[in-house]
PDB file of N, CA and C in Angstrom:
ATOM      1  N   MET A   1       2.679  -3.189   7.582  1.00  0.00           N
ATOM      2  CA  MET A   1       1.974  -3.253   6.608  1.00  0.00           C
ATOM      3  C   MET A   1       0.936  -1.811   7.056  1.00  0.00           C
ATOM      4  N   VAL A   2       0.780  -0.803   6.096  1.00  0.00           N
ATOM      5  CA  VAL A   2       0.363   0.476   6.205  1.00  0.00           C
ATOM      6  C   VAL A   2      -0.762   0.872   5.275  1.00  0.00           C
ATOM      7  N   HIS A   3      -1.941   0.912   5.614  1.00  0.00           N
ATOM      8  CA  HIS A   3      -3.242   1.477   4.636  1.00  0.00           C
ATOM      9  C   HIS A   3      -3.213   3.327   4.674  1.00  0.00           C
ATOM     10  N   ILE A   4      -3.450   3.377   3.482  1.00  0.00           N
ATOM     11  CA  ILE A   4      -3.410   4.969   2.853  1.00  0.00           C
ATOM     12  C   ILE A   4      -5.139   4.795   2.963  1.00  0.00           C
ATOM     13  N   ARG A   5      -5.852   5.262   3.786  1.00  0.00           N
ATOM     14  CA  ARG A   5      -7.358   5.273   3.959  1.00  0.00           C
ATOM     15  C   ARG A   5      -8.016   6.647   3.564  1.00  0.00           C
ATOM     16  N   PRO A   6      -8.074   6.906   2.259  1.00  0.00           N
ATOM     17  CA  PRO A   6      -8.633   8.530   1.850  1.00  0.00           C
ATOM     18  C   PRO A   6     -10.095   8.581   2.906  1.00  0.00           C
ATOM     19  N   ASN A   7     -10.170   9.649   2.976  1.00  0.00           N
ATOM     20  CA  ASN A   7     -11.330  11.031   3.895  1.00  0.00           C
ATOM     21  C   ASN A   7     -12.669  10.338   3.316  1.00  0.00           C
ATOM     22  N   GLN A   8     -13.607  10.424   3.635  1.00  0.00           N
ATOM     23  CA  GLN A   8     -14.946  10.101   3.306  1.00  0.00           C
ATOM     24  C   GLN A   8     -15.040  10.816   1.711  1.00  0.00           C
ATOM     25  N   GLY A   9     -15.434   9.811   1.051  1.00  0.00           N
ATOM     26  CA  GLY A   9     -16.401  10.890  -0.361  1.00  0.00           C
ATOM     27  C   GLY A   9     -14.975  10.735  -1.396  1.00  0.00           C
ATOM     28  N   PHE A  10     -13.534  10.232  -1.029  1.00  0.00           N
ATOM     29  CA  PHE A  10     -12.496  10.213  -1.511  1.00  0.00           C
ATOM     30  C   PHE A  10     -12.007   8.660  -2.256  1.00  0.00           C
ATOM     31  N   THR A  11     -11.204   8.920  -3.284  1.00  0.00           N
ATOM     32  CA  THR A  11     -10.446   7.195  -3.709  1.00  0.00           C
ATOM     33  C   THR A  11      -8.918   7.881  -3.696  1.00  0.00           C
ATOM     34  N   GLY A  12      -8.450   6.494  -3.920  1.00  0.00           N
ATOM     35  CA  GLY A  12      -7.080   6.912  -3.554  1.00  0.00           C
ATOM     36  C   GLY A  12      -6.693   5.769  -2.107  1.00  0.00           C
ATOM     37  N   SER A  13      -7.506   5.069  -1.633  1.00  0.00           N
ATOM     38  CA  SER A  13      -6.670   3.462  -1.157  1.00  0.00           C
ATOM     39  C   SER A  13      -5.565   2.676  -1.527  1.00  0.00           C
ATOM     40  N   HIS A  14      -4.534   2.457  -0.812  1.00  0.00           N
ATOM     41  CA  HIS A  14      -3.240   1.955  -1.016  1.00  0.00           C
ATOM     42  C   HIS A  14      -2.626   1.633   0.160  1.00  0.00           C
ATOM     43  N   VAL A  15      -2.560   0.092   0.081  1.00  0.00           N
ATOM     44  CA  VAL A  15      -1.657  -0.732   1.109  1.00  0.00           C
ATOM     45  C   VAL A  15      -0.031  -0.919   0.566  1.00  0.00           C
ATOM     46  N   TYR A  16       0.543  -1.129   1.845  1.00  0.00           N
ATOM     47  CA  TYR A  16       2.080  -1.061   1.065  1.00  0.00           C
ATOM     48  C   TYR A  16       2.539  -1.312   2.579  1.00  0.00           C
ATOM     49  N   ALA A  17       4.136  -2.272   2.459  1.00  0.00           N
ATOM     50  CA  ALA A  17       4.850  -2.505   3.824  1.00  0.00           C
ATOM     51  C   ALA A  17       5.724  -1.344   4.005  1.00  0.00           C
ATOM     52  N   SER A  18       5.937  -1.454   5.241  1.00  0.00           N
ATOM     53  CA  SER A  18       6.772  -0.408   5.824  1.00  0.00           C
ATOM     54  C   SER A  18       7.359  -0.772   6.817  1.00  0.00           C
ATOM     55  N   ASP A  19       8.513  -0.078   7.432  1.00  0.00           N
ATOM     56  CA  ASP A  19       9.417  -0.109   8.721  1.00  0.00           C
ATOM     57  C   ASP A  19       9.228   1.218   9.155  1.00  0.00           C
ATOM     58  N   ASP A  20       8.534   2.068   8.584  1.00  0.00           N
ATOM     59  CA  ASP A  20       8.158   3.413   9.341  1.00  0.00           C
ATOM     60  C   ASP A  20       9.609   4.513   9.034  1.00  0.00           C
ATOM     61  N   THR A  21      10.481   3.995   7.734  1.00  0.00           N
ATOM     62  CA  THR A  21      11.128   4.731   7.071  1.00  0.00           C
ATOM     63  C   THR A  21      11.369   4.070   5.659  1.00  0.00           C
ATOM     64  N   TRP A  22      11.482   3.366   5.388  1.00  0.00           N
ATOM     65  CA  TRP A  22      11.063   2.726   4.210  1.00  0.00           C
ATOM     66  C   TRP A  22       9.840   1.831   3.712  1.00  0.00           C
ATOM     67  N   ALA A  23       9.151   2.518   2.613  1.00  0.00           N
ATOM     68  CA  ALA A  23       7.866   1.543   2.227  1.00  0.00           C
ATOM     69  C   ALA A  23       8.295   0.613   0.834  1.00  0.00           C
ATOM     70  N   PHE A  24       7.385  -0.194   0.941  1.00  0.00           N
ATOM     71  CA  PHE A  24       7.758  -1.192  -0.547  1.00  0.00           C
ATOM     72  C   PHE A  24       6.323  -1.176  -0.783  1.00  0.00           C
ATOM     73  N   ASP A  25       5.972  -0.869  -2.131  1.00  0.00           N
ATOM     74  CA  ASP A  25       4.795  -1.098  -2.884  1.00  0.00           C
ATOM     75  C   ASP A  25       5.171  -1.670  -4.411  1.00  0.00           C
ATOM     76  N   HIS A  26       4.375  -1.411  -5.095  1.00  0.00           N
ATOM     77  CA  HIS A  26       4.199  -1.871  -6.666  1.00  0.00           C
ATOM     78  C   HIS A  26       5.252  -0.929  -7.034  1.00  0.00           C
ATOM     79  N   ASN A  27       5.502  -0.159  -7.093  1.00  0.00           N
ATOM     80  CA  ASN A  27       6.683   0.636  -7.857  1.00  0.00           C
ATOM     81  C   ASN A  27       8.260   0.322  -6.946  1.00  0.00           C
ATOM     82  N   GLY A  28       7.921  -0.547  -5.417  1.00  0.00           N
ATOM     83  CA  GLY A  28       9.843  -0.840  -4.836  1.00  0.00           C
ATOM     84  C   GLY A  28      10.402  -0.020  -3.735  1.00  0.00           C
ATOM     85  N   TRP A  29      11.499   0.311  -3.719  1.00  0.00           N
ATOM     86  CA  TRP A  29      11.589   0.482  -2.252  1.00  0.00           C
ATOM     87  C   TRP A  29      11.735   2.253  -2.484  1.00  0.00           C
ATOM     88  N   LEU A  30      11.145   3.035  -1.381  1.00  0.00           N
ATOM     89  CA  LEU A  30      11.228   4.478  -1.725  1.00  0.00           C
ATOM     90  C   LEU A  30      10.864   4.596   0.311  1.00  0.00           C
ATOM     91  N   LYS A  31      11.408   5.664   0.370  1.00  0.00           N
ATOM     92  CA  LYS A  31      11.270   6.353   1.495  1.00  0.00           C
ATOM     93  C   LYS A  31       9.895   6.616   1.912  1.00  0.00           C
ATOM     94  N   GLU A  32       8.986   6.480   3.199  1.00  0.00           N
ATOM     95  CA  GLU A  32       8.075   6.490   3.286  1.00  0.00           C
ATOM     96  C   GLU A  32       7.265   7.612   2.803  1.00  0.00           C
ATOM     97  N   SER A  33       8.327   8.614   3.776  1.00  0.00           N
ATOM     98  CA  SER A  33       8.220  10.080   3.827  1.00  0.00           C
ATOM     99  C   SER A  33       7.773  10.606   2.193  1.00  0.00           C
ATOM    100  N   GLU A  34       8.478  10.041   1.503  1.00  0.00           N
ATOM    101  CA  GLU A  34       8.472  10.443  -0.257  1.00  0.00           C
ATOM    102  C   GLU A  34       6.805   9.874  -0.433  1.00  0.00           C
ATOM    103  N   LEU A  35       6.963   8.719  -0.400  1.00  0.00           N
ATOM    104  CA  LEU A  35       5.367   7.929  -1.015  1.00  0.00           C
ATOM    105  C   LEU A  35       4.687   8.804  -0.549  1.00  0.00           C
ATOM    106  N   LEU A  36       4.286   8.855   1.076  1.00  0.00           N
ATOM    107  CA  LEU A  36       3.563  10.341   1.577  1.00  0.00           C
ATOM    108  C   LEU A  36       2.895  11.459   0.596  1.00  0.00           C
ATOM    109  N   THR A  37       4.477  11.828   0.324  1.00  0.00           N
ATOM    110  CA  THR A  37       4.362  12.996  -0.503  1.00  0.00           C
ATOM    111  C   THR A  37       3.508  13.243  -1.495  1.00  0.00           C
ATOM    112  N   LEU A  38       4.369  12.235  -2.284  1.00  0.00           N
ATOM    113  CA  LEU A  38       4.164  11.643  -3.504  1.00  0.00           C
ATOM    114  C   LEU A  38       2.206  11.581  -3.609  1.00  0.00           C
ATOM    115  N   THR A  39       1.884  10.708  -3.070  1.00  0.00           N
ATOM    116  CA  THR A  39       0.282   9.990  -2.685  1.00  0.00           C
ATOM    117  C   THR A  39      -0.433  11.478  -2.585  1.00  0.00           C
ATOM    118  N   GLU A  40       0.219  12.084  -1.832  1.00  0.00           N
ATOM    119  CA  GLU A  40      -0.615  13.489  -0.995  1.00  0.00           C
ATOM    120  C   GLU A  40      -0.827  14.580  -2.659  1.00  0.00           C
ATOM    121  N   GLN A  41       0.181  14.633  -3.149  1.00  0.00           N
ATOM    122  CA  GLN A  41       0.297  15.566  -4.012  1.00  0.00           C
ATOM    123  C   GLN A  41      -0.670  15.636  -5.542  1.00  0.00           C
ATOM    124  N   THR A  42      -0.523  13.772  -5.614  1.00  0.00           N
ATOM    125  CA  THR A  42      -1.164  13.272  -6.782  1.00  0.00           C
ATOM    126  C   THR A  42      -2.734  13.655  -6.666  1.00  0.00           C
ATOM    127  N   TYR A  43      -3.105  13.187  -5.039  1.00  0.00           N
ATOM    128  CA  TYR A  43      -4.369  13.225  -5.701  1.00  0.00           C
ATOM    129  C   TYR A  43      -4.946  14.201  -4.626  1.00  0.00           C
ATOM    130  N   ALA A  44      -4.345  15.399  -4.209  1.00  0.00           N
ATOM    131  CA  ALA A  44      -5.042  17.117  -3.923  1.00  0.00           C
ATOM    132  C   ALA A  44      -4.856  17.402  -5.387  1.00  0.00           C
ATOM    133  N   GLN A  45      -3.653  17.326  -6.224  1.00  0.00           N
ATOM    134  CA  GLN A  45      -4.017  17.656  -7.355  1.00  0.00           C
ATOM    135  C   GLN A  45      -5.317  17.594  -8.231  1.00  0.00           C
ATOM    136  N   LYS A  46      -5.539  16.544  -8.299  1.00  0.00           N
ATOM    137  CA  LYS A  46      -6.616  15.557  -8.800  1.00  0.00           C
ATOM    138  C   LYS A  46      -7.824  15.848  -7.955  1.00  0.00           C
ATOM    139  N   TYR A  47      -8.161  15.929  -6.822  1.00  0.00           N
ATOM    140  CA  TYR A  47      -8.884  15.911  -6.235  1.00  0.00           C
ATOM    141  C   TYR A  47      -9.099  17.023  -4.999  1.00  0.00           C
ATOM    142  N   PRO A  48      -9.219  18.607  -5.074  1.00  0.00           N
ATOM    143  CA  PRO A  48      -9.197  19.154  -4.095  1.00  0.00           C
ATOM    144  C   PRO A  48      -9.523  18.660  -2.698  1.00  0.00           C
ATOM    145  N   GLY A  49      -8.861  18.986  -1.522  1.00  0.00           N
ATOM    146  CA  GLY A  49      -9.672  18.667  -0.374  1.00  0.00           C
ATOM    147  C   GLY A  49      -9.202  17.125  -0.607  1.00  0.00           C
ATOM    148  N   TRP A  50      -8.571  16.577  -0.993  1.00  0.00           N
ATOM    149  CA  TRP A  50      -8.272  15.140  -0.724  1.00  0.00           C
ATOM    150  C   TRP A  50      -7.174  15.322   0.711  1.00  0.00           C
ATOM    151  N   ASP A  51      -7.736  14.287   1.887  1.00  0.00           N
ATOM    152  CA  ASP A  51      -6.938  14.016   2.284  1.00  0.00           C
ATOM    153  C   ASP A  51      -7.107  12.377   3.314  1.00  0.00           C
ATOM    154  N   TYR A  52      -6.621  12.287   3.523  1.00  0.00           N
ATOM    155  CA  TYR A  52      -6.342  10.548   4.136  1.00  0.00           C
ATOM    156  C   TYR A  52      -5.973  10.122   6.019  1.00  0.00           C
ATOM    157  N   GLU A  53      -6.001   9.076   6.003  1.00  0.00           N
ATOM    158  CA  GLU A  53      -5.630   8.515   7.446  1.00  0.00           C
ATOM    159  C   GLU A  53      -4.537   7.536   7.129  1.00  0.00           C
ATOM    160  N   ARG A  54      -3.217   7.508   7.407  1.00  0.00           N
ATOM    161  CA  ARG A  54      -2.261   6.381   7.957  1.00  0.00           C
ATOM    162  C   ARG A  54      -2.741   5.661   8.988  1.00  0.00           C
ATOM    163  N   ILE A  55      -3.092   4.204   8.414  1.00  0.00           N
ATOM    164  CA  ILE A  55      -3.439   3.549   8.955  1.00  0.00           C
ATOM    165  C   ILE A  55      -2.586   2.191   9.515  1.00  0.00           C
ATOM    166  N   PRO A  56      -1.762   2.248  10.372  1.00  0.00           N
ATOM    167  CA  PRO A  56      -0.860   0.799  10.237  1.00  0.00           C
ATOM    168  C   PRO A  56      -1.986  -0.428  10.452  1.00  0.00           C
ATOM    169  N   ILE A  57      -1.524  -1.746  10.093  1.00  0.00           N
ATOM    170  CA  ILE A  57      -1.703  -2.956   9.897  1.00  0.00           C
ATOM    171  C   ILE A  57      -1.559  -3.913  10.374  1.00  0.00           C
ATOM    172  N   ASP A  58      -2.374  -4.394  11.758  1.00  0.00           N
ATOM    173  CA  ASP A  58      -1.643  -5.719  12.273  1.00  0.00           C
ATOM    174  C   ASP A  58      -1.765  -6.522  12.022  1.00  0.00           C
ATOM    175  N   LEU A  59      -1.644  -7.479  11.240  1.00  0.00           N
ATOM    176  CA  LEU A  59      -1.880  -8.802  10.576  1.00  0.00           C
ATOM    177  C   LEU A  59      -2.135  -9.564  11.911  1.00  0.00           C
ATOM    178  N   SER A  60      -1.521  -9.712  12.849  1.00  0.00           N
ATOM    179  CA  SER A  60      -1.110 -10.706  14.049  1.00  0.00           C
ATOM    180  C   SER A  60      -2.596 -10.223  14.583  1.00  0.00           C
ATOM    181  N   MET A  61      -3.534  -9.363  14.492  1.00  0.00           N
ATOM    182  CA  MET A  61      -5.059  -8.714  15.258  1.00  0.00           C
ATOM    183  C   MET A  61      -5.440  -9.080  13.990  1.00  0.00           C
ATOM    184  N   THR A  62      -5.454  -9.316  12.735  1.00  0.00           N
ATOM    185  CA  THR A  62      -6.303  -9.370  11.587  1.00  0.00           C
ATOM    186  C   THR A  62      -6.272 -10.247  10.732  1.00  0.00           C
ATOM    187  N   SER A  63      -6.940 -10.939   9.951  1.00  0.00           N
ATOM    188  CA  SER A  63      -6.434 -11.826   8.871  1.00  0.00           C
ATOM    189  C   SER A  63      -6.862 -10.742   7.242  1.00  0.00           C
ATOM    190  N   LEU A  64      -5.524 -11.548   6.241  1.00  0.00           N
ATOM    191  CA  LEU A  64      -5.595 -10.661   5.279  1.00  0.00           C
ATOM    192  C   LEU A  64      -7.336 -10.548   4.980  1.00  0.00           C
ATOM    193  N   GLU A  65      -7.325 -11.746   5.112  1.00  0.00           N
ATOM    194  CA  GLU A  65      -9.572 -11.796   4.223  1.00  0.00           C
ATOM    195  C   GLU A  65     -10.521 -10.638   5.246  1.00  0.00           C
ATOM    196  N   ASP A  66      -9.835 -10.811   6.473  1.00  0.00           N
ATOM    197  CA  ASP A  66     -10.891  -9.583   7.353  1.00  0.00           C
ATOM    198  C   ASP A  66     -10.477  -8.364   6.809  1.00  0.00           C
ATOM    199  N   PHE A  67      -9.487  -7.978   6.661  1.00  0.00           N
ATOM    200  CA  PHE A  67      -8.818  -6.598   6.077  1.00  0.00           C
ATOM    201  C   PHE A  67      -9.540  -6.182   4.725  1.00  0.00           C
ATOM    202  N   CYS A  68      -9.844  -6.879   4.215  1.00  0.00           N
ATOM    203  CA  CYS A  68     -10.028  -6.895   2.693  1.00  0.00           C
ATOM    204  C   CYS A  68     -11.310  -6.700   2.627  1.00  0.00           C
ATOM    205  N   ARG A  69     -12.039  -7.366   3.493  1.00  0.00           N
ATOM    206  CA  ARG A  69     -13.637  -7.393   3.767  1.00  0.00           C
ATOM    207  C   ARG A  69     -13.861  -6.166   3.824  1.00  0.00           C
ATOM    208  N   THR A  70     -13.511  -5.537   5.412  1.00  0.00           N
ATOM    209  CA  THR A  70     -13.305  -4.645   5.772  1.00  0.00           C
ATOM    210  C   THR A  70     -13.587  -2.842   5.016  1.00  0.00           C
ATOM    211  N   ASN A  71     -12.412  -3.693   4.251  1.00  0.00           N
ATOM    212  CA  ASN A  71     -11.768  -2.378   3.580  1.00  0.00           C
ATOM    213  C   ASN A  71     -12.437  -2.176   2.243  1.00  0.00           C
ATOM    214  N   MET A  72     -13.453  -3.810   1.627  1.00  0.00           N
ATOM    215  CA  MET A  72     -14.150  -3.515   0.423  1.00  0.00           C
ATOM    216  C   MET A  72     -12.937  -3.538  -0.784  1.00  0.00           C
ATOM    217  N   HIS A  73     -11.817  -4.625  -0.611  1.00  0.00           N
ATOM    218  CA  HIS A  73     -11.036  -5.108  -1.356  1.00  0.00           C
ATOM    219  C   HIS A  73     -11.001  -6.060  -1.794  1.00  0.00           C
ATOM    220  N   ARG A  74     -10.557  -6.379  -2.968  1.00  0.00           N
ATOM    221  CA  ARG A  74     -11.100  -8.077  -3.711  1.00  0.00           C
ATOM    222  C   ARG A  74     -10.215  -8.675  -2.381  1.00  0.00           C
ATOM    223  N   LEU A  75     -10.665 -10.277  -2.114  1.00  0.00           N
ATOM    224  CA  LEU A  75     -10.411 -10.555  -1.147  1.00  0.00           C
ATOM    225  C   LEU A  75      -9.290 -11.812  -2.487  1.00  0.00           C
ATOM    226  N   PRO A  76      -8.188 -12.460  -1.576  1.00  0.00           N
ATOM    227  CA  PRO A  76      -7.319 -13.418  -2.811  1.00  0.00           C
ATOM    228  C   PRO A  76      -7.684 -14.157  -3.968  1.00  0.00           C
ATOM    229  N   TRP A  77      -8.830 -14.949  -3.411  1.00  0.00           N
ATOM    230  CA  TRP A  77      -9.281 -15.772  -4.415  1.00  0.00           C
ATOM    231  C   TRP A  77      -9.878 -15.172  -5.884  1.00  0.00           C
ATOM    232  N   GLN A  78     -10.021 -13.956  -5.565  1.00  0.00           N
ATOM    233  CA  GLN A  78     -11.370 -12.996  -6.101  1.00  0.00           C
ATOM    234  C   GLN A  78     -10.250 -12.623  -7.518  1.00  0.00           C
ATOM    235  N   PHE A  79      -8.655 -12.677  -7.310  1.00  0.00           N
ATOM    236  CA  PHE A  79      -8.091 -12.551  -8.446  1.00  0.00           C
ATOM    237  C   PHE A  79      -7.688 -13.741  -9.506  1.00  0.00           C
ATOM    238  N   ALA A  80      -7.682 -13.437 -10.858  1.00  0.00           N
ATOM    239  CA  ALA A  80      -7.529 -14.345 -11.692  1.00  0.00           C
ATOM    240  C   ALA A  80      -6.389 -15.057 -11.812  1.00  0.00           C
ATOM    241  N   TYR A  81      -5.890 -15.932 -12.051  1.00  0.00           N
ATOM    242  CA  TYR A  81      -4.978 -16.619 -12.871  1.00  0.00           C
ATOM    243  C   TYR A  81      -3.897 -16.843 -11.915  1.00  0.00           C
ATOM    244  N   LEU A  82      -3.731 -17.106 -10.650  1.00  0.00           N
ATOM    245  CA  LEU A  82      -2.903 -17.525  -9.637  1.00  0.00           C
ATOM    246  C   LEU A  82      -1.714 -15.787  -9.411  1.00  0.00           C
ATOM    247  N   PRO A  83      -2.610 -15.380  -8.501  1.00  0.00           N
ATOM    248  CA  PRO A  83      -2.245 -14.044  -8.075  1.00  0.00           C
ATOM    249  C   PRO A  83      -1.009 -14.480  -7.380  1.00  0.00           C
ATOM    250  N   TRP A  84      -0.836 -15.134  -6.446  1.00  0.00           N
ATOM    251  CA  TRP A  84       0.208 -15.497  -5.675  1.00  0.00           C
ATOM    252  C   TRP A  84       1.371 -15.768  -6.378  1.00  0.00           C
ATOM    253  N   GLU A  85       1.379 -16.433  -7.276  1.00  0.00           N
ATOM    254  CA  GLU A  85       2.096 -16.926  -8.142  1.00  0.00           C
ATOM    255  C   GLU A  85       2.869 -15.451  -8.990  1.00  0.00           C
ATOM    256  N   ARG A  86       2.289 -15.037  -9.383  1.00  0.00           N
ATOM    257  CA  ARG A  86       2.515 -13.663 -10.273  1.00  0.00           C
ATOM    258  C   ARG A  86       3.100 -12.797  -9.089  1.00  0.00           C
ATOM    259  N   ALA A  87       2.395 -12.268  -8.191  1.00  0.00           N
ATOM    260  CA  ALA A  87       3.009 -11.398  -7.290  1.00  0.00           C
ATOM    261  C   ALA A  87       4.575 -11.664  -6.992  1.00  0.00           C
ATOM    262  N   TYR A  88       4.682 -12.735  -6.321  1.00  0.00           N
ATOM    263  CA  TYR A  88       5.992 -13.302  -5.814  1.00  0.00           C
ATOM    264  C   TYR A  88       6.980 -12.768  -7.240  1.00  0.00           C
ATOM    265  N   ASN A  89       6.809 -13.209  -8.383  1.00  0.00           N
ATOM    266  CA  ASN A  89       7.535 -13.175  -9.598  1.00  0.00           C
ATOM    267  C   ASN A  89       7.511 -11.415  -9.566  1.00  0.00           C
ATOM    268  N   TYR A  90       6.773 -11.001  -9.845  1.00  0.00           N
ATOM    269  CA  TYR A  90       6.820  -9.444  -9.586  1.00  0.00           C
ATOM    270  C   TYR A  90       7.872  -8.769  -8.591  1.00  0.00           C
ATOM    271  N   ILE A  91       7.801  -9.388  -7.593  1.00  0.00           N
ATOM    272  CA  ILE A  91       8.507  -8.723  -6.028  1.00  0.00           C
ATOM    273  C   ILE A  91      10.182  -9.115  -6.399  1.00  0.00           C
ATOM    274  N   LYS A  92      10.196 -10.547  -7.323  1.00  0.00           N
ATOM    275  CA  LYS A  92      11.600 -11.193  -7.456  1.00  0.00           C
ATOM    276  C   LYS A  92      12.523 -10.149  -8.225  1.00  0.00           C
ATOM    277  N   GLN A  93      11.988  -9.047  -8.824  1.00  0.00           N
ATOM    278  CA  GLN A  93      12.680  -8.324  -9.895  1.00  0.00           C
ATOM    279  C   GLN A  93      13.291  -7.171  -9.096  1.00  0.00           C
ATOM    280  N   PHE A  94      12.681  -6.751  -7.684  1.00  0.00           N
ATOM    281  CA  PHE A  94      13.441  -5.846  -6.584  1.00  0.00           C
ATOM    282  C   PHE A  94      14.273  -6.774  -5.788  1.00  0.00           C
ATOM    283  N   PRO A  95      15.166  -5.362  -5.008  1.00  0.00           N
ATOM    284  CA  PRO A  95      15.726  -5.709  -4.128  1.00  0.00           C
ATOM    285  C   PRO A  95      15.264  -6.315  -2.588  1.00  0.00           C
ATOM    286  N   ASP A  96      16.118  -7.281  -1.863  1.00  0.00           N
ATOM    287  CA  ASP A  96      15.493  -7.537  -1.087  1.00  0.00           C
ATOM    288  C   ASP A  96      15.285  -6.418   0.386  1.00  0.00           C
ATOM    289  N   THR A  97      16.198  -5.835   0.207  1.00  0.00           N
ATOM    290  CA  THR A  97      16.544  -4.562   1.773  1.00  0.00           C
ATOM    291  C   THR A  97      16.391  -3.101   0.491  1.00  0.00           C
ATOM    292  N   PRO A  98      15.998  -2.579   1.201  1.00  0.00           N
ATOM    293  CA  PRO A  98      15.833  -0.919   1.071  1.00  0.00           C
ATOM    294  C   PRO A  98      17.456  -0.303   0.101  1.00  0.00           C
ATOM    295  N   PRO A  99      17.429   0.501  -0.858  1.00  0.00           N
ATOM    296  CA  PRO A  99      18.954   1.143  -1.119  1.00  0.00           C
ATOM    297  C   PRO A  99      19.560   1.654   0.277  1.00  0.00           C
ATOM    298  N   MET A 100      20.593   1.628   0.126  1.00  0.00           N
ATOM    299  CA  MET A 100      21.872   2.081   1.330  1.00  0.00           C
ATOM    300  C   MET A 100      21.548   3.385   1.494  1.00  0.00           C
ATOM    301  N   GLN A 101      21.725   4.081   2.627  1.00  0.00           N
ATOM    302  CA  GLN A 101      21.548   5.779   2.677  1.00  0.00           C
ATOM    303  C   GLN A 101      22.913   6.364   2.340  1.00  0.00           C
ATOM    304  N   VAL A 102      22.667   7.260   2.033  1.00  0.00           N
ATOM    305  CA  VAL A 102      24.176   7.529   1.540  1.00  0.00           C
ATOM    306  C   VAL A 102      24.694   8.892   2.247  1.00  0.00           C
TER     307      VAL A 102
END
């Protein structure tokens, strides 16, 4: 897991799964370098001076709840209508592995 944490005073926090080559987020699979470039371009265009820190998340060292609390994200039980079930159903629409490289 990786956390894009914007520098102080900026918005644009994002969390995604990564193996340091491929990223998986709500849009599906994308090369991580492309995800970071698109994120940088999108936010820098809207918020001049926008920058971020890429922070690997080691869930063996912290719990999901602690991560959420520390980074001011909603806790899992603060989402309405069975979020785990909705999340798993949403993820099912994507392939289990990244596309093959050409």
